[in-house]
Amino acid sequence: IAAGSGITPILSITRATLDRHPGNRVTLLYGNKTTASMMFRDALMFLKNRYMDRLHFIAVFSEELQDNDLFNGRINNAKGAEFIKRLLPLESFDDFFLCGPESMVSEVARGLRGEGVARARIHVELFSASAEDAARRVRKQEERASRYGSRLCQVAIRFQGRRHRFDLECDGENLLDRARALGIELPFSCKDGVCATCKARLLEGQVDMDVNHALTDEEVAAGYILSCQSHPLPGAVSLDFDA
């Protein structure tokens, strides 16, 4: 499910799935204002024609009328409910990938969870952090500064078989940014707590995560954290990026 330029990662996922997994089927629901504003239209039509029996492509336009009212409007919970009822029963799908404006992604993700879809089956990517997330980060930073000040934490990282150590203030930058500033090329993508590219397993100590839109409850319980959102708490912290 994509809207606007959110098609960029969704197109890559669609292409890879169809090319590499002959038994898989994909339904691509893509929202735009008009046909003319649709990104990667030629690439989408190529995939549609190449995988006619495995790719179900649905275009929804908010400013261009189509004969069937189901395909008019914006992708939101109400529109999703229409599709579930009339065309796309949820039991037909194993996983859901969402990318687009924060309002659309969050609303549709909540709607899917409300329909009983497990969080682990819903994969999201946002264009940018929401105002709510930004406010939460500021509040968290103020809380750490008030409680711990600039106390140093000893951080140990295992990445690609190598071990790295450095100190980081409790009220300082996040683990990912400090590590990369020191030349440790840890993986990342969105830096908004959405994609989980930067996740690691916490082996020792405690961290404070600002936001988490990517890890499941089971992953958090197993000790995984998002390094782009995590700040060490006093003491020694050990992370494994190879886990």
C-alpha atoms as a PDB file:
ATOM      1  CA  ILE A   1       0.000   0.000   0.000  1.00  0.00           C
ATOM      2  CA  ALA A   2       1.615   3.245  -1.121  1.00  0.00           C
ATOM      3  CA  ALA A   3       0.736   6.886  -1.653  1.00  0.00           C
ATOM      4  CA  GLY A   4       2.641   9.442  -3.697  1.00  0.00           C
ATOM      5  CA  SER A   5       6.405   9.037  -3.575  1.00  0.00           C
ATOM      6  CA  GLY A   6       5.923   6.267  -1.039  1.00  0.00           C
ATOM      7  CA  ILE A   7       5.893   4.017  -4.091  1.00  0.00           C
ATOM      8  CA  THR A   8       9.714   4.155  -4.234  1.00  0.00           C
ATOM      9  CA  PRO A   9      10.477   1.418  -1.657  1.00  0.00           C
ATOM     10  CA  ILE A  10       7.221  -0.416  -2.366  1.00  0.00           C
ATOM     11  CA  LEU A  11       8.116  -0.737  -6.055  1.00  0.00           C
ATOM     12  CA  SER A  12      11.487  -2.248  -5.132  1.00  0.00           C
ATOM     13  CA  ILE A  13       9.824  -4.725  -2.774  1.00  0.00           C
ATOM     14  CA  THR A  14       7.242  -5.642  -5.416  1.00  0.00           C
ATOM     15  CA  ARG A  15       9.822  -6.154  -8.140  1.00  0.00           C
ATOM     16  CA  ALA A  16      12.109  -8.241  -5.922  1.00  0.00           C
ATOM     17  CA  THR A  17       9.243 -10.397  -4.680  1.00  0.00           C
ATOM     18  CA  LEU A  18       7.959 -11.150  -8.167  1.00  0.00           C
ATOM     19  CA  ASP A  19      11.428 -11.703  -9.659  1.00  0.00           C
ATOM     20  CA  ARG A  20      12.858 -13.905  -6.914  1.00  0.00           C
ATOM     21  CA  HIS A  21       9.848 -15.805  -5.590  1.00  0.00           C
ATOM     22  CA  PRO A  22       7.877 -17.447  -8.420  1.00  0.00           C
ATOM     23  CA  GLY A  23       5.196 -18.705  -6.057  1.00  0.00           C
ATOM     24  CA  ASN A  24       4.386 -15.306  -4.541  1.00  0.00           C
ATOM     25  CA  ARG A  25       1.547 -12.991  -5.507  1.00  0.00           C
ATOM     26  CA  VAL A  26       1.399  -9.241  -4.893  1.00  0.00           C
ATOM     27  CA  THR A  27      -1.492  -6.805  -4.677  1.00  0.00           C
ATOM     28  CA  LEU A  28      -0.277  -3.215  -5.058  1.00  0.00           C
ATOM     29  CA  LEU A  29      -2.677  -0.487  -3.924  1.00  0.00           C
ATOM     30  CA  TYR A  30      -1.287   2.886  -4.993  1.00  0.00           C
ATOM     31  CA  GLY A  31      -2.841   6.292  -4.263  1.00  0.00           C
ATOM     32  CA  ASN A  32      -2.187   9.478  -6.250  1.00  0.00           C
ATOM     33  CA  LYS A  33      -3.904  12.720  -7.163  1.00  0.00           C
ATOM     34  CA  THR A  34      -4.084  11.941 -10.906  1.00  0.00           C
ATOM     35  CA  THR A  35      -2.664   9.607 -13.527  1.00  0.00           C
ATOM     36  CA  ALA A  36      -0.238  12.346 -14.560  1.00  0.00           C
ATOM     37  CA  SER A  37       1.152  12.631 -11.023  1.00  0.00           C
ATOM     38  CA  MET A  38       1.830   8.891 -10.724  1.00  0.00           C
ATOM     39  CA  MET A  39       5.515   8.147 -10.201  1.00  0.00           C
ATOM     40  CA  PHE A  40       7.183   5.241 -12.043  1.00  0.00           C
ATOM     41  CA  ARG A  41       4.092   4.728 -14.190  1.00  0.00           C
ATOM     42  CA  ASP A  42       6.018   3.015 -17.001  1.00  0.00           C
ATOM     43  CA  ALA A  43       7.815   0.691 -14.586  1.00  0.00           C
ATOM     44  CA  LEU A  44       4.521  -0.213 -12.924  1.00  0.00           C
ATOM     45  CA  MET A  45       2.837  -0.961 -16.242  1.00  0.00           C
ATOM     46  CA  PHE A  46       5.819  -3.094 -17.269  1.00  0.00           C
ATOM     47  CA  LEU A  47       5.521  -5.172 -14.108  1.00  0.00           C
ATOM     48  CA  LYS A  48       1.759  -5.415 -14.492  1.00  0.00           C
ATOM     49  CA  ASN A  49       2.102  -6.779 -18.035  1.00  0.00           C
ATOM     50  CA  ARG A  50       5.021  -9.058 -17.207  1.00  0.00           C
ATOM     51  CA  TYR A  51       3.331 -10.657 -14.202  1.00  0.00           C
ATOM     52  CA  MET A  52      -0.288 -10.522 -15.285  1.00  0.00           C
ATOM     53  CA  ASP A  53      -1.314 -13.560 -13.228  1.00  0.00           C
ATOM     54  CA  ARG A  54       0.689 -12.636 -10.103  1.00  0.00           C
ATOM     55  CA  LEU A  55       0.453  -8.850  -9.764  1.00  0.00           C
ATOM     56  CA  HIS A  56      -2.868  -7.176  -8.999  1.00  0.00           C
ATOM     57  CA  PHE A  57      -2.315  -3.442  -9.490  1.00  0.00           C
ATOM     58  CA  ILE A  58      -4.938  -1.009  -8.193  1.00  0.00           C
ATOM     59  CA  ALA A  59      -4.706   2.755  -8.731  1.00  0.00           C
ATOM     60  CA  VAL A  60      -6.711   5.109  -6.519  1.00  0.00           C
ATOM     61  CA  PHE A  61      -7.008   8.792  -7.485  1.00  0.00           C
ATOM     62  CA  SER A  62      -8.116  11.651  -5.244  1.00  0.00           C
ATOM     63  CA  GLU A  63      -8.484  14.272  -7.984  1.00  0.00           C
ATOM     64  CA  GLU A  64      -9.346  12.203 -11.063  1.00  0.00           C
ATOM     65  CA  LEU A  65     -12.719  10.490 -11.316  1.00  0.00           C
ATOM     66  CA  GLN A  66     -12.874   6.850 -12.360  1.00  0.00           C
ATOM     67  CA  ASP A  67     -15.948   4.863 -13.357  1.00  0.00           C
ATOM     68  CA  ASN A  68     -15.906   2.736 -10.207  1.00  0.00           C
ATOM     69  CA  ASP A  69     -16.238   4.871  -7.071  1.00  0.00           C
ATOM     70  CA  LEU A  70     -14.161   2.330  -5.145  1.00  0.00           C
ATOM     71  CA  PHE A  71     -11.084   3.709  -6.911  1.00  0.00           C
ATOM     72  CA  ASN A  72     -11.826   7.376  -6.132  1.00  0.00           C
ATOM     73  CA  GLY A  73     -10.626   9.264  -3.046  1.00  0.00           C
ATOM     74  CA  ARG A  74      -7.767   8.937  -0.595  1.00  0.00           C
ATOM     75  CA  ILE A  75      -6.366   5.785   0.938  1.00  0.00           C
ATOM     76  CA  ASN A  76      -7.495   5.801   4.560  1.00  0.00           C
ATOM     77  CA  ASN A  77      -9.366   3.538   6.977  1.00  0.00           C
ATOM     78  CA  ALA A  78     -12.730   4.150   5.331  1.00  0.00           C
ATOM     79  CA  LYS A  79     -11.345   3.361   1.878  1.00  0.00           C
ATOM     80  CA  GLY A  80      -9.520   0.342   3.262  1.00  0.00           C
ATOM     81  CA  ALA A  81     -12.740  -0.982   4.771  1.00  0.00           C
ATOM     82  CA  GLU A  82     -14.410  -0.658   1.351  1.00  0.00           C
ATOM     83  CA  PHE A  83     -11.631  -2.636  -0.322  1.00  0.00           C
ATOM     84  CA  ILE A  84     -11.737  -5.347   2.353  1.00  0.00           C
ATOM     85  CA  LYS A  85     -15.490  -5.690   1.946  1.00  0.00           C
ATOM     86  CA  ARG A  86     -15.690  -5.540  -1.847  1.00  0.00           C
ATOM     87  CA  LEU A  87     -12.383  -6.677  -3.322  1.00  0.00           C
ATOM     88  CA  LEU A  88      -9.499  -7.565  -0.994  1.00  0.00           C
ATOM     89  CA  PRO A  89     -10.386  -9.949   1.862  1.00  0.00           C
ATOM     90  CA  LEU A  90      -7.686  -9.774   4.534  1.00  0.00           C
ATOM     91  CA  GLU A  91      -7.303 -13.542   4.745  1.00  0.00           C
ATOM     92  CA  SER A  92      -5.844 -13.448   1.218  1.00  0.00           C
ATOM     93  CA  PHE A  93      -2.643 -11.770   2.445  1.00  0.00           C
ATOM     94  CA  ASP A  94       0.332 -12.830   4.554  1.00  0.00           C
ATOM     95  CA  ASP A  95       2.080  -9.463   4.978  1.00  0.00           C
ATOM     96  CA  PHE A  96       1.343  -5.780   4.463  1.00  0.00           C
ATOM     97  CA  PHE A  97       3.919  -3.165   3.429  1.00  0.00           C
ATOM     98  CA  LEU A  98       2.977   0.512   3.795  1.00  0.00           C
ATOM     99  CA  CYS A  99       4.795   3.657   2.711  1.00  0.00           C
ATOM    100  CA  GLY A 100       3.617   7.223   2.306  1.00  0.00           C
ATOM    101  CA  PRO A 101       2.657  10.250   4.392  1.00  0.00           C
ATOM    102  CA  GLU A 102       2.716   9.632   8.138  1.00  0.00           C
ATOM    103  CA  SER A 103      -1.022  10.272   8.484  1.00  0.00           C
ATOM    104  CA  MET A 104      -1.913   7.634   5.872  1.00  0.00           C
ATOM    105  CA  VAL A 105       0.547   5.016   7.073  1.00  0.00           C
ATOM    106  CA  SER A 106      -0.370   5.375  10.744  1.00  0.00           C
ATOM    107  CA  GLU A 107      -4.110   5.353  10.075  1.00  0.00           C
ATOM    108  CA  VAL A 108      -4.016   2.322   7.785  1.00  0.00           C
ATOM    109  CA  ALA A 109      -1.667   0.436  10.122  1.00  0.00           C
ATOM    110  CA  ARG A 110      -4.021   1.076  13.050  1.00  0.00           C
ATOM    111  CA  GLY A 111      -6.953  -0.028  10.915  1.00  0.00           C
ATOM    112  CA  LEU A 112      -5.241  -3.290   9.989  1.00  0.00           C
ATOM    113  CA  ARG A 113      -4.407  -3.995  13.625  1.00  0.00           C
ATOM    114  CA  GLY A 114      -8.028  -3.235  14.485  1.00  0.00           C
ATOM    115  CA  GLU A 115      -9.078  -5.882  11.966  1.00  0.00           C
ATOM    116  CA  GLY A 116      -6.941  -8.427  13.798  1.00  0.00           C
ATOM    117  CA  VAL A 117      -3.776  -8.299  11.671  1.00  0.00           C
ATOM    118  CA  ALA A 118      -0.746  -8.973  13.885  1.00  0.00           C
ATOM    119  CA  ARG A 119       1.739  -6.117  14.201  1.00  0.00           C
ATOM    120  CA  ALA A 120       4.528  -8.425  13.001  1.00  0.00           C
ATOM    121  CA  ARG A 121       2.761  -8.694   9.607  1.00  0.00           C
ATOM    122  CA  ILE A 122       2.559  -4.918   9.095  1.00  0.00           C
ATOM    123  CA  HIS A 123       5.745  -3.298   7.788  1.00  0.00           C
ATOM    124  CA  VAL A 124       5.801   0.498   7.564  1.00  0.00           C
ATOM    125  CA  GLU A 125       8.045   3.279   6.334  1.00  0.00           C
ATOM    126  CA  LEU A 126       7.276   6.976   6.756  1.00  0.00           C
ATOM    127  CA  PHE A 127       8.468  10.006   4.806  1.00  0.00           C
ATOM    128  CA  SER A 128       9.494  11.802   7.991  1.00  0.00           C
ATOM    129  CA  ALA A 129       8.981  11.792  11.703  1.00  0.00           C
ATOM    130  CA  SER A 130       5.634  13.073  12.914  1.00  0.00           C
ATOM    131  CA  ALA A 131       5.256  16.125  15.128  1.00  0.00           C
ATOM    132  CA  GLU A 132       4.195  13.789  17.924  1.00  0.00           C
ATOM    133  CA  ASP A 133       7.432  11.805  17.595  1.00  0.00           C
ATOM    134  CA  ALA A 134       9.489  14.994  17.546  1.00  0.00           C
ATOM    135  CA  ALA A 135       7.810  16.209  20.737  1.00  0.00           C
ATOM    136  CA  ARG A 136       8.384  12.831  22.368  1.00  0.00           C
ATOM    137  CA  ARG A 137      12.114  12.968  21.517  1.00  0.00           C
ATOM    138  CA  VAL A 138      12.439  16.407  23.098  1.00  0.00           C
ATOM    139  CA  ARG A 139      10.569  15.287  26.211  1.00  0.00           C
ATOM    140  CA  LYS A 140      12.689  12.157  26.554  1.00  0.00           C
ATOM    141  CA  GLN A 141      15.922  14.130  26.166  1.00  0.00           C
ATOM    142  CA  GLU A 142      14.828  16.586  28.844  1.00  0.00           C
ATOM    143  CA  GLU A 143      13.974  13.715  31.190  1.00  0.00           C
ATOM    144  CA  ARG A 144      17.392  12.102  30.688  1.00  0.00           C
ATOM    145  CA  ALA A 145      19.173  15.415  31.179  1.00  0.00           C
ATOM    146  CA  SER A 146      17.253  16.070  34.392  1.00  0.00           C
ATOM    147  CA  ARG A 147      17.763  12.593  35.811  1.00  0.00           C
ATOM    148  CA  TYR A 148      21.256  11.665  34.656  1.00  0.00           C
ATOM    149  CA  GLY A 149      22.871  14.853  33.363  1.00  0.00           C
ATOM    150  CA  SER A 150      26.017  14.249  31.318  1.00  0.00           C
ATOM    151  CA  ARG A 151      27.071  11.072  33.099  1.00  0.00           C
ATOM    152  CA  LEU A 152      29.184   8.899  30.828  1.00  0.00           C
ATOM    153  CA  CYS A 153      28.170   5.415  29.756  1.00  0.00           C
ATOM    154  CA  GLN A 154      30.611   2.815  28.469  1.00  0.00           C
ATOM    155  CA  VAL A 155      29.351   1.396  25.171  1.00  0.00           C
ATOM    156  CA  ALA A 156      30.624  -1.820  23.558  1.00  0.00           C
ATOM    157  CA  ILE A 157      29.521  -2.789  20.043  1.00  0.00           C
ATOM    158  CA  ARG A 158      29.994  -5.932  17.993  1.00  0.00           C
ATOM    159  CA  PHE A 159      29.566  -5.311  14.259  1.00  0.00           C
ATOM    160  CA  GLN A 160      30.711  -7.490  11.348  1.00  0.00           C
ATOM    161  CA  GLY A 161      32.785  -9.578  13.723  1.00  0.00           C
ATOM    162  CA  ARG A 162      34.702  -6.624  15.155  1.00  0.00           C
ATOM    163  CA  ARG A 163      34.399  -5.024  18.592  1.00  0.00           C
ATOM    164  CA  HIS A 164      34.299  -1.291  19.225  1.00  0.00           C
ATOM    165  CA  ARG A 165      34.202   0.703  22.456  1.00  0.00           C
ATOM    166  CA  PHE A 166      33.408   4.330  23.207  1.00  0.00           C
ATOM    167  CA  ASP A 167      31.873   6.575  25.871  1.00  0.00           C
ATOM    168  CA  LEU A 168      28.576   8.391  25.422  1.00  0.00           C
ATOM    169  CA  GLU A 169      26.749  10.892  27.630  1.00  0.00           C
ATOM    170  CA  CYS A 170      23.308   9.879  28.884  1.00  0.00           C
ATOM    171  CA  ASP A 171      21.867  13.166  27.619  1.00  0.00           C
ATOM    172  CA  GLY A 172      23.855  13.102  24.376  1.00  0.00           C
ATOM    173  CA  GLU A 173      23.187  11.877  20.866  1.00  0.00           C
ATOM    174  CA  ASN A 174      21.800   8.451  20.043  1.00  0.00           C
ATOM    175  CA  LEU A 175      23.967   5.340  19.769  1.00  0.00           C
ATOM    176  CA  LEU A 176      23.851   5.197  15.967  1.00  0.00           C
ATOM    177  CA  ASP A 177      24.930   8.798  15.416  1.00  0.00           C
ATOM    178  CA  ARG A 178      27.794   8.606  17.919  1.00  0.00           C
ATOM    179  CA  ALA A 179      29.096   5.337  16.469  1.00  0.00           C
ATOM    180  CA  ARG A 180      29.008   6.646  12.906  1.00  0.00           C
ATOM    181  CA  ALA A 181      30.690   9.896  13.978  1.00  0.00           C
ATOM    182  CA  LEU A 182      33.534   7.723  15.272  1.00  0.00           C
ATOM    183  CA  GLY A 183      33.856   5.944  11.923  1.00  0.00           C
ATOM    184  CA  ILE A 184      31.860   2.802  12.750  1.00  0.00           C
ATOM    185  CA  GLU A 185      29.750   2.317   9.623  1.00  0.00           C
ATOM    186  CA  LEU A 186      26.632   0.893  11.254  1.00  0.00           C
ATOM    187  CA  PRO A 187      23.669   0.305   8.914  1.00  0.00           C
ATOM    188  CA  PHE A 188      20.745   2.725   8.858  1.00  0.00           C
ATOM    189  CA  SER A 189      18.044   4.047   6.552  1.00  0.00           C
ATOM    190  CA  CYS A 190      15.185   6.177   7.881  1.00  0.00           C
ATOM    191  CA  LYS A 191      16.538   7.287  11.294  1.00  0.00           C
ATOM    192  CA  ASP A 192      12.918   7.778  12.336  1.00  0.00           C
ATOM    193  CA  GLY A 193      12.426   4.493  14.193  1.00  0.00           C
ATOM    194  CA  VAL A 194      10.462   2.986  11.325  1.00  0.00           C
ATOM    195  CA  CYS A 195      12.565   0.730   9.091  1.00  0.00           C
ATOM    196  CA  ALA A 196      14.547  -1.341  11.676  1.00  0.00           C
ATOM    197  CA  THR A 197      17.673  -1.295   9.490  1.00  0.00           C
ATOM    198  CA  CYS A 198      19.659  -0.122  12.522  1.00  0.00           C
ATOM    199  CA  LYS A 199      18.372  -2.683  15.014  1.00  0.00           C
ATOM    200  CA  ALA A 200      20.745  -4.463  17.382  1.00  0.00           C
ATOM    201  CA  ARG A 201      20.468  -6.816  20.314  1.00  0.00           C
ATOM    202  CA  LEU A 202      21.095  -5.431  23.776  1.00  0.00           C
ATOM    203  CA  LEU A 203      23.340  -7.882  25.617  1.00  0.00           C
ATOM    204  CA  GLU A 204      24.112  -5.829  28.712  1.00  0.00           C
ATOM    205  CA  GLY A 205      22.859  -2.675  30.384  1.00  0.00           C
ATOM    206  CA  GLN A 206      19.863  -0.488  29.646  1.00  0.00           C
ATOM    207  CA  VAL A 207      18.905   1.999  26.943  1.00  0.00           C
ATOM    208  CA  ASP A 208      16.095   4.512  26.574  1.00  0.00           C
ATOM    209  CA  MET A 209      14.348   4.378  23.176  1.00  0.00           C
ATOM    210  CA  ASP A 210      12.676   7.599  22.037  1.00  0.00           C
ATOM    211  CA  VAL A 211      10.204   5.992  19.612  1.00  0.00           C
ATOM    212  CA  ASN A 212       9.626   2.559  18.085  1.00  0.00           C
ATOM    213  CA  HIS A 213       7.499   1.994  14.998  1.00  0.00           C
ATOM    214  CA  ALA A 214       9.410  -1.048  13.750  1.00  0.00           C
ATOM    215  CA  LEU A 215      10.113  -3.681  16.384  1.00  0.00           C
ATOM    216  CA  THR A 216       7.453  -6.126  17.482  1.00  0.00           C
ATOM    217  CA  ASP A 217       6.686  -6.704  21.148  1.00  0.00           C
ATOM    218  CA  GLU A 218       8.411 -10.079  20.821  1.00  0.00           C
ATOM    219  CA  GLU A 219      11.576  -8.475  19.432  1.00  0.00           C
ATOM    220  CA  VAL A 220      11.662  -5.926  22.237  1.00  0.00           C
ATOM    221  CA  ALA A 221      11.177  -8.704  24.790  1.00  0.00           C
ATOM    222  CA  ALA A 222      14.079 -10.570  23.156  1.00  0.00           C
ATOM    223  CA  GLY A 223      16.332  -7.568  23.723  1.00  0.00           C
ATOM    224  CA  TYR A 224      16.329  -5.869  20.319  1.00  0.00           C
ATOM    225  CA  ILE A 225      16.584  -2.082  20.140  1.00  0.00           C
ATOM    226  CA  LEU A 226      16.679   0.591  17.428  1.00  0.00           C
ATOM    227  CA  SER A 227      20.090   2.227  17.650  1.00  0.00           C
ATOM    228  CA  CYS A 228      18.863   5.406  15.920  1.00  0.00           C
ATOM    229  CA  GLN A 229      16.416   5.947  18.791  1.00  0.00           C
ATOM    230  CA  SER A 230      18.405   4.556  21.726  1.00  0.00           C
ATOM    231  CA  HIS A 231      20.379   6.371  24.405  1.00  0.00           C
ATOM    232  CA  PRO A 232      22.427   4.456  26.992  1.00  0.00           C
ATOM    233  CA  LEU A 233      21.544   4.711  30.664  1.00  0.00           C
ATOM    234  CA  PRO A 234      24.272   4.844  33.359  1.00  0.00           C
ATOM    235  CA  GLY A 235      26.612   1.884  33.429  1.00  0.00           C
ATOM    236  CA  ALA A 236      27.985  -0.414  30.749  1.00  0.00           C
ATOM    237  CA  VAL A 237      25.979  -1.090  27.590  1.00  0.00           C
ATOM    238  CA  SER A 238      26.794  -3.897  25.155  1.00  0.00           C
ATOM    239  CA  LEU A 239      25.181  -4.219  21.704  1.00  0.00           C
ATOM    240  CA  ASP A 240      25.416  -6.929  19.056  1.00  0.00           C
ATOM    241  CA  PHE A 241      24.624  -5.848  15.490  1.00  0.00           C
ATOM    242  CA  ASP A 242      25.461  -9.331  14.188  1.00  0.00           C
ATOM    243  CA  ALA A 243      22.739 -11.092  16.205  1.00  0.00           C
END
